[in-house]
């Protein structure tokens, strides 16, 4: 699942922290190196559209993501 940034099998607050650190708004370059994975809609930025995709997967720790 693309939103499982730490590859531990769930989408939780640890993954959200990564998305939040990378969040930079529409049509802006990535906030830092390592943010390409947070670009969930593959449009070269991390913005509300990516957050929406993330939210669709979020299900908490030790639970399967909602967007399998």
PDB file of N, CA and C in Angstrom:
ATOM      1  N   UNK A   1       0.852  -1.177   0.000  1.00  0.00           N
ATOM      2  CA  UNK A   1       0.000   0.000   0.000  1.00  0.00           C
ATOM      3  C   UNK A   1       0.895   1.237   0.000  1.00  0.00           C
ATOM      4  N   UNK A   2       0.659   2.126  -0.910  1.00  0.00           N
ATOM      5  CA  UNK A   2       1.514   3.306  -1.065  1.00  0.00           C
ATOM      6  C   UNK A   2       1.566   4.178   0.187  1.00  0.00           C
ATOM      7  N   UNK A   3       0.485   4.270   0.955  1.00  0.00           N
ATOM      8  CA  UNK A   3       0.442   5.133   2.132  1.00  0.00           C
ATOM      9  C   UNK A   3       1.138   4.527   3.350  1.00  0.00           C
ATOM     10  N   UNK A   4       1.568   3.282   3.257  1.00  0.00           N
ATOM     11  CA  UNK A   4       2.307   2.632   4.343  1.00  0.00           C
ATOM     12  C   UNK A   4       3.789   2.936   4.155  1.00  0.00           C
ATOM     13  N   UNK A   5       4.190   4.130   4.516  1.00  0.00           N
ATOM     14  CA  UNK A   5       5.529   4.623   4.233  1.00  0.00           C
ATOM     15  C   UNK A   5       6.630   3.853   4.965  1.00  0.00           C
ATOM     16  N   UNK A   6       6.315   3.255   6.121  1.00  0.00           N
ATOM     17  CA  UNK A   6       7.332   2.512   6.865  1.00  0.00           C
ATOM     18  C   UNK A   6       7.245   0.999   6.630  1.00  0.00           C
ATOM     19  N   UNK A   7       6.399   0.589   5.711  1.00  0.00           N
ATOM     20  CA  UNK A   7       6.282  -0.819   5.298  1.00  0.00           C
ATOM     21  C   UNK A   7       6.067  -1.783   6.461  1.00  0.00           C
ATOM     22  N   UNK A   8       5.218  -1.398   7.420  1.00  0.00           N
ATOM     23  CA  UNK A   8       4.943  -2.299   8.536  1.00  0.00           C
ATOM     24  C   UNK A   8       3.570  -2.954   8.439  1.00  0.00           C
ATOM     25  N   UNK A   9       2.880  -2.778   7.312  1.00  0.00           N
ATOM     26  CA  UNK A   9       1.613  -3.467   7.084  1.00  0.00           C
ATOM     27  C   UNK A   9       0.378  -2.724   7.542  1.00  0.00           C
ATOM     28  N   UNK A  10       0.549  -1.512   8.086  1.00  0.00           N
ATOM     29  CA  UNK A  10      -0.611  -0.706   8.475  1.00  0.00           C
ATOM     30  C   UNK A  10      -0.378   0.743   8.073  1.00  0.00           C
ATOM     31  N   UNK A  11      -1.443   1.523   8.089  1.00  0.00           N
ATOM     32  CA  UNK A  11      -1.349   2.956   7.828  1.00  0.00           C
ATOM     33  C   UNK A  11      -1.830   3.653   9.098  1.00  0.00           C
ATOM     34  N   UNK A  12      -0.875   4.221   9.820  1.00  0.00           N
ATOM     35  CA  UNK A  12      -1.165   4.778  11.134  1.00  0.00           C
ATOM     36  C   UNK A  12      -0.502   6.140  11.307  1.00  0.00           C
ATOM     37  N   UNK A  13      -0.412   6.600  12.553  1.00  0.00           N
ATOM     38  CA  UNK A  13       0.126   7.934  12.813  1.00  0.00           C
ATOM     39  C   UNK A  13       1.601   8.069  12.458  1.00  0.00           C
ATOM     40  N   UNK A  14       2.346   6.988  12.483  1.00  0.00           N
ATOM     41  CA  UNK A  14       3.741   7.044  12.055  1.00  0.00           C
ATOM     42  C   UNK A  14       3.813   7.416  10.578  1.00  0.00           C
ATOM     43  N   UNK A  15       2.930   6.817   9.784  1.00  0.00           N
ATOM     44  CA  UNK A  15       2.873   7.145   8.356  1.00  0.00           C
ATOM     45  C   UNK A  15       2.373   8.571   8.148  1.00  0.00           C
ATOM     46  N   UNK A  16       1.420   8.988   8.968  1.00  0.00           N
ATOM     47  CA  UNK A  16       0.915  10.357   8.866  1.00  0.00           C
ATOM     48  C   UNK A  16       2.011  11.375   9.157  1.00  0.00           C
ATOM     49  N   UNK A  17       2.877  11.075  10.122  1.00  0.00           N
ATOM     50  CA  UNK A  17       3.974  12.001  10.449  1.00  0.00           C
ATOM     51  C   UNK A  17       4.860  12.225   9.228  1.00  0.00           C
ATOM     52  N   UNK A  18       5.097  11.178   8.456  1.00  0.00           N
ATOM     53  CA  UNK A  18       5.905  11.323   7.239  1.00  0.00           C
ATOM     54  C   UNK A  18       5.166  12.192   6.218  1.00  0.00           C
ATOM     55  N   UNK A  19       3.885  11.915   6.010  1.00  0.00           N
ATOM     56  CA  UNK A  19       3.102  12.718   5.075  1.00  0.00           C
ATOM     57  C   UNK A  19       3.096  14.184   5.506  1.00  0.00           C
ATOM     58  N   UNK A  20       2.904  14.426   6.783  1.00  0.00           N
ATOM     59  CA  UNK A  20       2.863  15.789   7.307  1.00  0.00           C
ATOM     60  C   UNK A  20       4.194  16.508   7.094  1.00  0.00           C
ATOM     61  N   UNK A  21       5.294  15.821   7.319  1.00  0.00           N
ATOM     62  CA  UNK A  21       6.613  16.435   7.125  1.00  0.00           C
ATOM     63  C   UNK A  21       6.849  16.793   5.662  1.00  0.00           C
ATOM     64  N   UNK A  22       6.242  16.029   4.767  1.00  0.00           N
ATOM     65  CA  UNK A  22       6.421  16.251   3.328  1.00  0.00           C
ATOM     66  C   UNK A  22       5.410  17.231   2.738  1.00  0.00           C
ATOM     67  N   UNK A  23       4.328  17.479   3.450  1.00  0.00           N
ATOM     68  CA  UNK A  23       3.250  18.331   2.945  1.00  0.00           C
ATOM     69  C   UNK A  23       3.794  19.727   2.633  1.00  0.00           C
ATOM     70  N   UNK A  24       3.576  20.174   1.401  1.00  0.00           N
ATOM     71  CA  UNK A  24       4.141  21.457   0.989  1.00  0.00           C
ATOM     72  C   UNK A  24       3.179  22.275   0.138  1.00  0.00           C
ATOM     73  N   UNK A  25       2.017  21.751  -0.165  1.00  0.00           N
ATOM     74  CA  UNK A  25       1.040  22.504  -0.933  1.00  0.00           C
ATOM     75  C   UNK A  25       1.111  22.213  -2.423  1.00  0.00           C
ATOM     76  N   UNK A  26       0.094  22.669  -3.153  1.00  0.00           N
ATOM     77  CA  UNK A  26       0.005  22.366  -4.578  1.00  0.00           C
ATOM     78  C   UNK A  26       1.061  23.096  -5.410  1.00  0.00           C
ATOM     79  N   UNK A  27       1.534  22.394  -6.422  1.00  0.00           N
ATOM     80  CA  UNK A  27       2.465  22.959  -7.403  1.00  0.00           C
ATOM     81  C   UNK A  27       3.750  23.505  -6.789  1.00  0.00           C
ATOM     82  N   UNK A  28       4.195  22.883  -5.704  1.00  0.00           N
ATOM     83  CA  UNK A  28       5.445  23.278  -5.056  1.00  0.00           C
ATOM     84  C   UNK A  28       6.364  22.068  -5.006  1.00  0.00           C
ATOM     85  N   UNK A  29       7.655  22.272  -5.048  1.00  0.00           N
ATOM     86  CA  UNK A  29       8.582  21.137  -4.987  1.00  0.00           C
ATOM     87  C   UNK A  29       8.472  20.412  -3.644  1.00  0.00           C
ATOM     88  N   UNK A  30       8.954  19.192  -3.604  1.00  0.00           N
ATOM     89  CA  UNK A  30       8.918  18.423  -2.361  1.00  0.00           C
ATOM     90  C   UNK A  30       9.615  19.185  -1.243  1.00  0.00           C
ATOM     91  N   UNK A  31       9.091  19.072  -0.031  1.00  0.00           N
ATOM     92  CA  UNK A  31       9.613  19.803   1.123  1.00  0.00           C
ATOM     93  C   UNK A  31      11.028  19.370   1.489  1.00  0.00           C
ATOM     94  N   UNK A  32      11.370  18.110   1.214  1.00  0.00           N
ATOM     95  CA  UNK A  32      12.700  17.597   1.558  1.00  0.00           C
ATOM     96  C   UNK A  32      12.955  16.333   0.753  1.00  0.00           C
ATOM     97  N   UNK A  33      14.192  15.891   0.756  1.00  0.00           N
ATOM     98  CA  UNK A  33      14.518  14.622   0.107  1.00  0.00           C
ATOM     99  C   UNK A  33      13.734  13.510   0.783  1.00  0.00           C
ATOM    100  N   UNK A  34      13.335  12.517   0.033  1.00  0.00           N
ATOM    101  CA  UNK A  34      12.609  11.386   0.602  1.00  0.00           C
ATOM    102  C   UNK A  34      11.108  11.554   0.599  1.00  0.00           C
ATOM    103  N   UNK A  35      10.604  12.566  -0.070  1.00  0.00           N
ATOM    104  CA  UNK A  35       9.160  12.809  -0.084  1.00  0.00           C
ATOM    105  C   UNK A  35       8.460  12.296  -1.339  1.00  0.00           C
ATOM    106  N   UNK A  36       9.192  11.723  -2.247  1.00  0.00           N
ATOM    107  CA  UNK A  36       8.566  11.229  -3.476  1.00  0.00           C
ATOM    108  C   UNK A  36       7.474  10.217  -3.143  1.00  0.00           C
ATOM    109  N   UNK A  37       7.687   9.386  -2.119  1.00  0.00           N
ATOM    110  CA  UNK A  37       6.683   8.380  -1.780  1.00  0.00           C
ATOM    111  C   UNK A  37       5.404   8.993  -1.224  1.00  0.00           C
ATOM    112  N   UNK A  38       5.470  10.195  -0.672  1.00  0.00           N
ATOM    113  CA  UNK A  38       4.283  10.862  -0.135  1.00  0.00           C
ATOM    114  C   UNK A  38       3.435  11.502  -1.229  1.00  0.00           C
ATOM    115  N   UNK A  39       3.952  11.551  -2.429  1.00  0.00           N
ATOM    116  CA  UNK A  39       3.205  12.075  -3.585  1.00  0.00           C
ATOM    117  C   UNK A  39       2.300  10.958  -4.106  1.00  0.00           C
ATOM    118  N   UNK A  40       1.216  10.713  -3.400  1.00  0.00           N
ATOM    119  CA  UNK A  40       0.359   9.565  -3.686  1.00  0.00           C
ATOM    120  C   UNK A  40      -0.398   9.670  -4.998  1.00  0.00           C
ATOM    121  N   UNK A  41      -0.598  10.876  -5.513  1.00  0.00           N
ATOM    122  CA  UNK A  41      -1.286  11.012  -6.800  1.00  0.00           C
ATOM    123  C   UNK A  41      -0.311  11.283  -7.950  1.00  0.00           C
ATOM    124  N   UNK A  42       0.978  11.228  -7.664  1.00  0.00           N
ATOM    125  CA  UNK A  42       2.050  11.328  -8.667  1.00  0.00           C
ATOM    126  C   UNK A  42       1.961  12.569  -9.555  1.00  0.00           C
ATOM    127  N   UNK A  43       1.740  13.730  -8.899  1.00  0.00           N
ATOM    128  CA  UNK A  43       1.688  14.979  -9.663  1.00  0.00           C
ATOM    129  C   UNK A  43       2.806  15.945  -9.266  1.00  0.00           C
ATOM    130  N   UNK A  44       3.850  15.420  -8.651  1.00  0.00           N
ATOM    131  CA  UNK A  44       5.066  16.164  -8.312  1.00  0.00           C
ATOM    132  C   UNK A  44       4.898  17.181  -7.187  1.00  0.00           C
ATOM    133  N   UNK A  45       3.888  16.989  -6.340  1.00  0.00           N
ATOM    134  CA  UNK A  45       3.757  17.788  -5.119  1.00  0.00           C
ATOM    135  C   UNK A  45       3.073  16.948  -4.048  1.00  0.00           C
ATOM    136  N   UNK A  46       3.114  17.417  -2.808  1.00  0.00           N
ATOM    137  CA  UNK A  46       2.414  16.756  -1.710  1.00  0.00           C
ATOM    138  C   UNK A  46       1.440  17.778  -1.147  1.00  0.00           C
ATOM    139  N   UNK A  47       0.153  17.535  -1.419  1.00  0.00           N
ATOM    140  CA  UNK A  47      -0.871  18.513  -1.077  1.00  0.00           C
ATOM    141  C   UNK A  47      -2.138  17.825  -0.581  1.00  0.00           C
ATOM    142  N   UNK A  48      -3.246  18.554  -0.557  1.00  0.00           N
ATOM    143  CA  UNK A  48      -4.515  18.047  -0.037  1.00  0.00           C
ATOM    144  C   UNK A  48      -4.982  16.806  -0.802  1.00  0.00           C
ATOM    145  N   UNK A  49      -4.716  16.722  -2.079  1.00  0.00           N
ATOM    146  CA  UNK A  49      -5.107  15.542  -2.853  1.00  0.00           C
ATOM    147  C   UNK A  49      -4.385  14.299  -2.331  1.00  0.00           C
ATOM    148  N   UNK A  50      -3.130  14.450  -1.962  1.00  0.00           N
ATOM    149  CA  UNK A  50      -2.384  13.326  -1.397  1.00  0.00           C
ATOM    150  C   UNK A  50      -2.912  12.977  -0.004  1.00  0.00           C
ATOM    151  N   UNK A  51      -3.237  13.991   0.782  1.00  0.00           N
ATOM    152  CA  UNK A  51      -3.820  13.751   2.100  1.00  0.00           C
ATOM    153  C   UNK A  51      -5.131  12.987   1.968  1.00  0.00           C
ATOM    154  N   UNK A  52      -5.946  13.332   0.986  1.00  0.00           N
ATOM    155  CA  UNK A  52      -7.216  12.640   0.777  1.00  0.00           C
ATOM    156  C   UNK A  52      -6.986  11.158   0.473  1.00  0.00           C
ATOM    157  N   UNK A  53      -6.023  10.861  -0.379  1.00  0.00           N
ATOM    158  CA  UNK A  53      -5.695   9.466  -0.681  1.00  0.00           C
ATOM    159  C   UNK A  53      -5.179   8.759   0.578  1.00  0.00           C
ATOM    160  N   UNK A  54      -4.360   9.444   1.354  1.00  0.00           N
ATOM    161  CA  UNK A  54      -3.853   8.871   2.596  1.00  0.00           C
ATOM    162  C   UNK A  54      -5.003   8.559   3.546  1.00  0.00           C
ATOM    163  N   UNK A  55      -5.905   9.493   3.683  1.00  0.00           N
ATOM    164  CA  UNK A  55      -7.039   9.332   4.602  1.00  0.00           C
ATOM    165  C   UNK A  55      -7.884   8.116   4.230  1.00  0.00           C
ATOM    166  N   UNK A  56      -7.995   7.834   2.938  1.00  0.00           N
ATOM    167  CA  UNK A  56      -8.738   6.673   2.491  1.00  0.00           C
ATOM    168  C   UNK A  56      -8.092   5.355   2.889  1.00  0.00           C
ATOM    169  N   UNK A  57      -6.819   5.377   3.248  1.00  0.00           N
ATOM    170  CA  UNK A  57      -6.081   4.176   3.664  1.00  0.00           C
ATOM    171  C   UNK A  57      -5.947   4.056   5.177  1.00  0.00           C
ATOM    172  N   UNK A  58      -5.993   5.178   5.869  1.00  0.00           N
ATOM    173  CA  UNK A  58      -5.726   5.217   7.310  1.00  0.00           C
ATOM    174  C   UNK A  58      -6.683   4.296   8.063  1.00  0.00           C
ATOM    175  N   UNK A  59      -6.116   3.409   8.886  1.00  0.00           N
ATOM    176  CA  UNK A  59      -6.955   2.507   9.675  1.00  0.00           C
ATOM    177  C   UNK A  59      -6.363   2.239  11.045  1.00  0.00           C
ATOM    178  N   UNK A  60      -5.237   2.825  11.361  1.00  0.00           N
ATOM    179  CA  UNK A  60      -4.637   2.676  12.683  1.00  0.00           C
ATOM    180  C   UNK A  60      -3.622   1.567  12.755  1.00  0.00           C
ATOM    181  N   UNK A  61      -2.930   1.490  13.900  1.00  0.00           N
ATOM    182  CA  UNK A  61      -1.852   0.515  14.063  1.00  0.00           C
ATOM    183  C   UNK A  61      -2.361  -0.922  14.098  1.00  0.00           C
ATOM    184  N   UNK A  62      -1.562  -1.808  13.526  1.00  0.00           N
ATOM    185  CA  UNK A  62      -1.821  -3.246  13.556  1.00  0.00           C
ATOM    186  C   UNK A  62      -3.157  -3.657  12.943  1.00  0.00           C
ATOM    187  N   UNK A  63      -3.609  -2.869  11.983  1.00  0.00           N
ATOM    188  CA  UNK A  63      -4.837  -3.176  11.246  1.00  0.00           C
ATOM    189  C   UNK A  63      -4.541  -3.011   9.769  1.00  0.00           C
ATOM    190  N   UNK A  64      -5.153  -3.826   8.950  1.00  0.00           N
ATOM    191  CA  UNK A  64      -4.946  -3.707   7.510  1.00  0.00           C
ATOM    192  C   UNK A  64      -5.429  -2.363   7.015  1.00  0.00           C
ATOM    193  N   UNK A  65      -4.725  -1.754   6.073  1.00  0.00           N
ATOM    194  CA  UNK A  65      -5.177  -0.487   5.493  1.00  0.00           C
ATOM    195  C   UNK A  65      -6.545  -0.640   4.829  1.00  0.00           C
ATOM    196  N   UNK A  66      -7.318   0.430   4.831  1.00  0.00           N
ATOM    197  CA  UNK A  66      -8.659   0.397   4.233  1.00  0.00           C
ATOM    198  C   UNK A  66      -8.618   0.439   2.708  1.00  0.00           C
ATOM    199  N   UNK A  67      -7.462   0.655   2.120  1.00  0.00           N
ATOM    200  CA  UNK A  67      -7.396   0.830   0.672  1.00  0.00           C
ATOM    201  C   UNK A  67      -6.650  -0.293  -0.033  1.00  0.00           C
ATOM    202  N   UNK A  68      -6.765  -1.498   0.433  1.00  0.00           N
ATOM    203  CA  UNK A  68      -6.035  -2.614  -0.182  1.00  0.00           C
ATOM    204  C   UNK A  68      -6.331  -2.777  -1.620  1.00  0.00           C
TER     205      UNK A  68
END
